[in-house]
């Protein structure tokens, strides 16, 4: 099941603007549209607002 692996790793690396955690994009979304920090206790949401792509 390569799709599950791709979702778990994601395409890009994201960084949370609130807690500073870095993680693959696939961990931050369930549907590809809505993003949230996957770290426990952090409620940052949205690309550009709560999360940003690591360049």
PDB file of N, CA and C in Angstrom:
ATOM      1  N   UNK A   1       0.824  -1.192   0.000  1.00  0.00           N
ATOM      2  CA  UNK A   1       0.000   0.000   0.000  1.00  0.00           C
ATOM      3  C   UNK A   1       0.871   1.260   0.000  1.00  0.00           C
ATOM      4  N   UNK A   2       1.382   1.670  -1.118  1.00  0.00           N
ATOM      5  CA  UNK A   2       2.247   2.841  -1.177  1.00  0.00           C
ATOM      6  C   UNK A   2       1.532   4.131  -0.804  1.00  0.00           C
ATOM      7  N   UNK A   3       0.211   4.212  -0.959  1.00  0.00           N
ATOM      8  CA  UNK A   3      -0.512   5.433  -0.623  1.00  0.00           C
ATOM      9  C   UNK A   3      -0.449   5.721   0.872  1.00  0.00           C
ATOM     10  N   UNK A   4      -0.537   4.697   1.695  1.00  0.00           N
ATOM     11  CA  UNK A   4      -0.458   4.905   3.133  1.00  0.00           C
ATOM     12  C   UNK A   4       0.924   5.404   3.528  1.00  0.00           C
ATOM     13  N   UNK A   5       1.955   4.861   2.899  1.00  0.00           N
ATOM     14  CA  UNK A   5       3.310   5.301   3.186  1.00  0.00           C
ATOM     15  C   UNK A   5       3.482   6.755   2.775  1.00  0.00           C
ATOM     16  N   UNK A   6       2.974   7.130   1.620  1.00  0.00           N
ATOM     17  CA  UNK A   6       3.088   8.511   1.150  1.00  0.00           C
ATOM     18  C   UNK A   6       2.363   9.466   2.096  1.00  0.00           C
ATOM     19  N   UNK A   7       1.208   9.073   2.583  1.00  0.00           N
ATOM     20  CA  UNK A   7       0.469   9.945   3.499  1.00  0.00           C
ATOM     21  C   UNK A   7       1.220  10.115   4.812  1.00  0.00           C
ATOM     22  N   UNK A   8       1.837   9.063   5.304  1.00  0.00           N
ATOM     23  CA  UNK A   8       2.553   9.119   6.576  1.00  0.00           C
ATOM     24  C   UNK A   8       3.802   9.994   6.463  1.00  0.00           C
ATOM     25  N   UNK A   9       4.435   9.979   5.301  1.00  0.00           N
ATOM     26  CA  UNK A   9       5.659  10.766   5.144  1.00  0.00           C
ATOM     27  C   UNK A   9       5.377  12.137   4.568  1.00  0.00           C
ATOM     28  N   UNK A  10       4.356  12.259   3.720  1.00  0.00           N
ATOM     29  CA  UNK A  10       4.003  13.547   3.145  1.00  0.00           C
ATOM     30  C   UNK A  10       4.956  13.988   2.060  1.00  0.00           C
ATOM     31  N   UNK A  11       4.633  15.112   1.445  1.00  0.00           N
ATOM     32  CA  UNK A  11       5.458  15.636   0.357  1.00  0.00           C
ATOM     33  C   UNK A  11       6.503  16.597   0.869  1.00  0.00           C
ATOM     34  N   UNK A  12       6.116  17.485   1.749  1.00  0.00           N
ATOM     35  CA  UNK A  12       7.008  18.531   2.233  1.00  0.00           C
ATOM     36  C   UNK A  12       7.143  18.457   3.742  1.00  0.00           C
ATOM     37  N   UNK A  13       8.172  19.078   4.240  1.00  0.00           N
ATOM     38  CA  UNK A  13       8.369  19.177   5.680  1.00  0.00           C
ATOM     39  C   UNK A  13       7.695  20.461   6.155  1.00  0.00           C
ATOM     40  N   UNK A  14       6.914  20.361   7.225  1.00  0.00           N
ATOM     41  CA  UNK A  14       6.220  21.517   7.787  1.00  0.00           C
ATOM     42  C   UNK A  14       6.790  21.830   9.165  1.00  0.00           C
ATOM     43  N   UNK A  15       6.674  23.107   9.566  1.00  0.00           N
ATOM     44  CA  UNK A  15       7.081  23.545  10.903  1.00  0.00           C
ATOM     45  C   UNK A  15       5.902  24.282  11.523  1.00  0.00           C
ATOM     46  N   UNK A  16       5.649  23.961  12.784  1.00  0.00           N
ATOM     47  CA  UNK A  16       4.584  24.620  13.530  1.00  0.00           C
ATOM     48  C   UNK A  16       5.084  25.975  14.021  1.00  0.00           C
ATOM     49  N   UNK A  17       4.328  27.018  13.767  1.00  0.00           N
ATOM     50  CA  UNK A  17       4.704  28.362  14.216  1.00  0.00           C
ATOM     51  C   UNK A  17       4.510  28.523  15.722  1.00  0.00           C
ATOM     52  N   UNK A  18       3.687  27.684  16.324  1.00  0.00           N
ATOM     53  CA  UNK A  18       3.405  27.806  17.754  1.00  0.00           C
ATOM     54  C   UNK A  18       4.398  27.018  18.618  1.00  0.00           C
ATOM     55  N   UNK A  19       4.576  25.715  18.327  1.00  0.00           N
ATOM     56  CA  UNK A  19       5.430  24.887  19.193  1.00  0.00           C
ATOM     57  C   UNK A  19       6.805  24.598  18.594  1.00  0.00           C
ATOM     58  N   UNK A  20       7.002  24.898  17.297  1.00  0.00           N
ATOM     59  CA  UNK A  20       8.302  24.714  16.664  1.00  0.00           C
ATOM     60  C   UNK A  20       8.584  23.314  16.167  1.00  0.00           C
ATOM     61  N   UNK A  21       7.655  22.390  16.307  1.00  0.00           N
ATOM     62  CA  UNK A  21       7.861  21.014  15.849  1.00  0.00           C
ATOM     63  C   UNK A  21       7.932  20.956  14.326  1.00  0.00           C
ATOM     64  N   UNK A  22       8.735  20.036  13.810  1.00  0.00           N
ATOM     65  CA  UNK A  22       8.809  19.785  12.375  1.00  0.00           C
ATOM     66  C   UNK A  22       8.316  18.375  12.107  1.00  0.00           C
ATOM     67  N   UNK A  23       7.573  18.206  11.004  1.00  0.00           N
ATOM     68  CA  UNK A  23       6.980  16.921  10.684  1.00  0.00           C
ATOM     69  C   UNK A  23       6.620  16.889   9.207  1.00  0.00           C
ATOM     70  N   UNK A  24       6.481  15.679   8.631  1.00  0.00           N
ATOM     71  CA  UNK A  24       6.063  15.557   7.235  1.00  0.00           C
ATOM     72  C   UNK A  24       4.630  16.050   7.063  1.00  0.00           C
ATOM     73  N   UNK A  25       4.353  16.608   5.913  1.00  0.00           N
ATOM     74  CA  UNK A  25       3.029  17.150   5.616  1.00  0.00           C
ATOM     75  C   UNK A  25       1.919  16.127   5.854  1.00  0.00           C
ATOM     76  N   UNK A  26       2.160  14.873   5.537  1.00  0.00           N
ATOM     77  CA  UNK A  26       1.145  13.825   5.694  1.00  0.00           C
ATOM     78  C   UNK A  26       0.673  13.622   7.120  1.00  0.00           C
ATOM     79  N   UNK A  27       1.484  13.966   8.101  1.00  0.00           N
ATOM     80  CA  UNK A  27       1.063  13.832   9.511  1.00  0.00           C
ATOM     81  C   UNK A  27       0.146  14.967   9.936  1.00  0.00           C
ATOM     82  N   UNK A  28       0.103  16.050   9.165  1.00  0.00           N
ATOM     83  CA  UNK A  28      -0.658  17.231   9.566  1.00  0.00           C
ATOM     84  C   UNK A  28      -2.046  17.307   8.942  1.00  0.00           C
ATOM     85  N   UNK A  29      -2.395  16.356   8.073  1.00  0.00           N
ATOM     86  CA  UNK A  29      -3.699  16.417   7.420  1.00  0.00           C
ATOM     87  C   UNK A  29      -4.298  15.034   7.247  1.00  0.00           C
ATOM     88  N   UNK A  30      -5.605  14.973   7.315  1.00  0.00           N
ATOM     89  CA  UNK A  30      -6.326  13.731   7.064  1.00  0.00           C
ATOM     90  C   UNK A  30      -6.921  13.735   5.654  1.00  0.00           C
ATOM     91  N   UNK A  31      -7.254  14.920   5.152  1.00  0.00           N
ATOM     92  CA  UNK A  31      -7.968  15.013   3.885  1.00  0.00           C
ATOM     93  C   UNK A  31      -7.233  15.807   2.807  1.00  0.00           C
ATOM     94  N   UNK A  32      -6.081  16.372   3.113  1.00  0.00           N
ATOM     95  CA  UNK A  32      -5.331  17.141   2.133  1.00  0.00           C
ATOM     96  C   UNK A  32      -5.764  18.595   2.019  1.00  0.00           C
ATOM     97  N   UNK A  33      -6.794  18.988   2.756  1.00  0.00           N
ATOM     98  CA  UNK A  33      -7.291  20.364   2.722  1.00  0.00           C
ATOM     99  C   UNK A  33      -7.122  21.075   4.054  1.00  0.00           C
ATOM    100  N   UNK A  34      -7.359  20.365   5.135  1.00  0.00           N
ATOM    101  CA  UNK A  34      -7.310  20.952   6.474  1.00  0.00           C
ATOM    102  C   UNK A  34      -6.041  20.478   7.184  1.00  0.00           C
ATOM    103  N   UNK A  35      -5.283  21.422   7.709  1.00  0.00           N
ATOM    104  CA  UNK A  35      -4.007  21.104   8.349  1.00  0.00           C
ATOM    105  C   UNK A  35      -4.018  21.518   9.815  1.00  0.00           C
ATOM    106  N   UNK A  36      -3.394  20.699  10.650  1.00  0.00           N
ATOM    107  CA  UNK A  36      -3.269  20.988  12.073  1.00  0.00           C
ATOM    108  C   UNK A  36      -1.983  20.353  12.581  1.00  0.00           C
ATOM    109  N   UNK A  37      -1.375  20.968  13.570  1.00  0.00           N
ATOM    110  CA  UNK A  37      -0.163  20.419  14.167  1.00  0.00           C
ATOM    111  C   UNK A  37      -0.500  19.078  14.817  1.00  0.00           C
ATOM    112  N   UNK A  38       0.267  18.019  14.503  1.00  0.00           N
ATOM    113  CA  UNK A  38      -0.017  16.707  15.076  1.00  0.00           C
ATOM    114  C   UNK A  38       0.546  16.498  16.490  1.00  0.00           C
ATOM    115  N   UNK A  39       1.262  17.479  17.006  1.00  0.00           N
ATOM    116  CA  UNK A  39       1.860  17.333  18.343  1.00  0.00           C
ATOM    117  C   UNK A  39       0.790  17.442  19.417  1.00  0.00           C
ATOM    118  N   UNK A  40       0.859  16.573  20.407  1.00  0.00           N
ATOM    119  CA  UNK A  40      -0.108  16.564  21.493  1.00  0.00           C
ATOM    120  C   UNK A  40      -0.029  17.877  22.275  1.00  0.00           C
ATOM    121  N   UNK A  41      -1.158  18.465  22.544  1.00  0.00           N
ATOM    122  CA  UNK A  41      -1.215  19.695  23.319  1.00  0.00           C
ATOM    123  C   UNK A  41      -1.071  20.965  22.498  1.00  0.00           C
ATOM    124  N   UNK A  42      -0.818  20.846  21.193  1.00  0.00           N
ATOM    125  CA  UNK A  42      -0.691  22.030  20.335  1.00  0.00           C
ATOM    126  C   UNK A  42      -1.942  22.121  19.470  1.00  0.00           C
ATOM    127  N   UNK A  43      -2.511  23.326  19.370  1.00  0.00           N
ATOM    128  CA  UNK A  43      -3.742  23.486  18.592  1.00  0.00           C
ATOM    129  C   UNK A  43      -3.563  24.398  17.373  1.00  0.00           C
ATOM    130  N   UNK A  44      -2.324  24.544  16.885  1.00  0.00           N
ATOM    131  CA  UNK A  44      -2.074  25.364  15.695  1.00  0.00           C
ATOM    132  C   UNK A  44      -2.748  24.721  14.483  1.00  0.00           C
ATOM    133  N   UNK A  45      -3.350  25.555  13.639  1.00  0.00           N
ATOM    134  CA  UNK A  45      -4.077  25.062  12.464  1.00  0.00           C
ATOM    135  C   UNK A  45      -3.811  25.942  11.259  1.00  0.00           C
ATOM    136  N   UNK A  46      -3.885  25.312  10.096  1.00  0.00           N
ATOM    137  CA  UNK A  46      -3.838  26.027   8.824  1.00  0.00           C
ATOM    138  C   UNK A  46      -2.435  26.293   8.291  1.00  0.00           C
ATOM    139  N   UNK A  47      -2.260  26.071   6.984  1.00  0.00           N
ATOM    140  CA  UNK A  47      -0.997  26.412   6.334  1.00  0.00           C
ATOM    141  C   UNK A  47      -0.905  27.924   6.218  1.00  0.00           C
ATOM    142  N   UNK A  48       0.236  28.464   6.546  1.00  0.00           N
ATOM    143  CA  UNK A  48       0.429  29.908   6.475  1.00  0.00           C
ATOM    144  C   UNK A  48       0.111  30.593   7.794  1.00  0.00           C
ATOM    145  N   UNK A  49      -0.861  30.099   8.512  1.00  0.00           N
ATOM    146  CA  UNK A  49      -1.218  30.700   9.798  1.00  0.00           C
ATOM    147  C   UNK A  49      -0.510  29.983  10.947  1.00  0.00           C
ATOM    148  N   UNK A  50      -0.838  28.701  11.127  1.00  0.00           N
ATOM    149  CA  UNK A  50      -0.256  27.934  12.213  1.00  0.00           C
ATOM    150  C   UNK A  50       0.940  27.101  11.804  1.00  0.00           C
ATOM    151  N   UNK A  51       0.959  26.709  10.531  1.00  0.00           N
ATOM    152  CA  UNK A  51       2.018  25.849  10.015  1.00  0.00           C
ATOM    153  C   UNK A  51       2.656  26.501   8.789  1.00  0.00           C
ATOM    154  N   UNK A  52       3.938  26.238   8.583  1.00  0.00           N
ATOM    155  CA  UNK A  52       4.577  26.749   7.378  1.00  0.00           C
ATOM    156  C   UNK A  52       5.492  25.685   6.805  1.00  0.00           C
ATOM    157  N   UNK A  53       5.717  25.758   5.519  1.00  0.00           N
ATOM    158  CA  UNK A  53       6.618  24.825   4.845  1.00  0.00           C
ATOM    159  C   UNK A  53       8.060  25.190   5.165  1.00  0.00           C
ATOM    160  N   UNK A  54       8.888  24.171   5.402  1.00  0.00           N
ATOM    161  CA  UNK A  54      10.305  24.380   5.643  1.00  0.00           C
ATOM    162  C   UNK A  54      10.987  24.408   4.290  1.00  0.00           C
ATOM    163  N   UNK A  55      11.738  25.454   4.032  1.00  0.00           N
ATOM    164  CA  UNK A  55      12.398  25.600   2.736  1.00  0.00           C
ATOM    165  C   UNK A  55      13.829  25.142   2.789  1.00  0.00           C
TER     166      UNK A  55
END
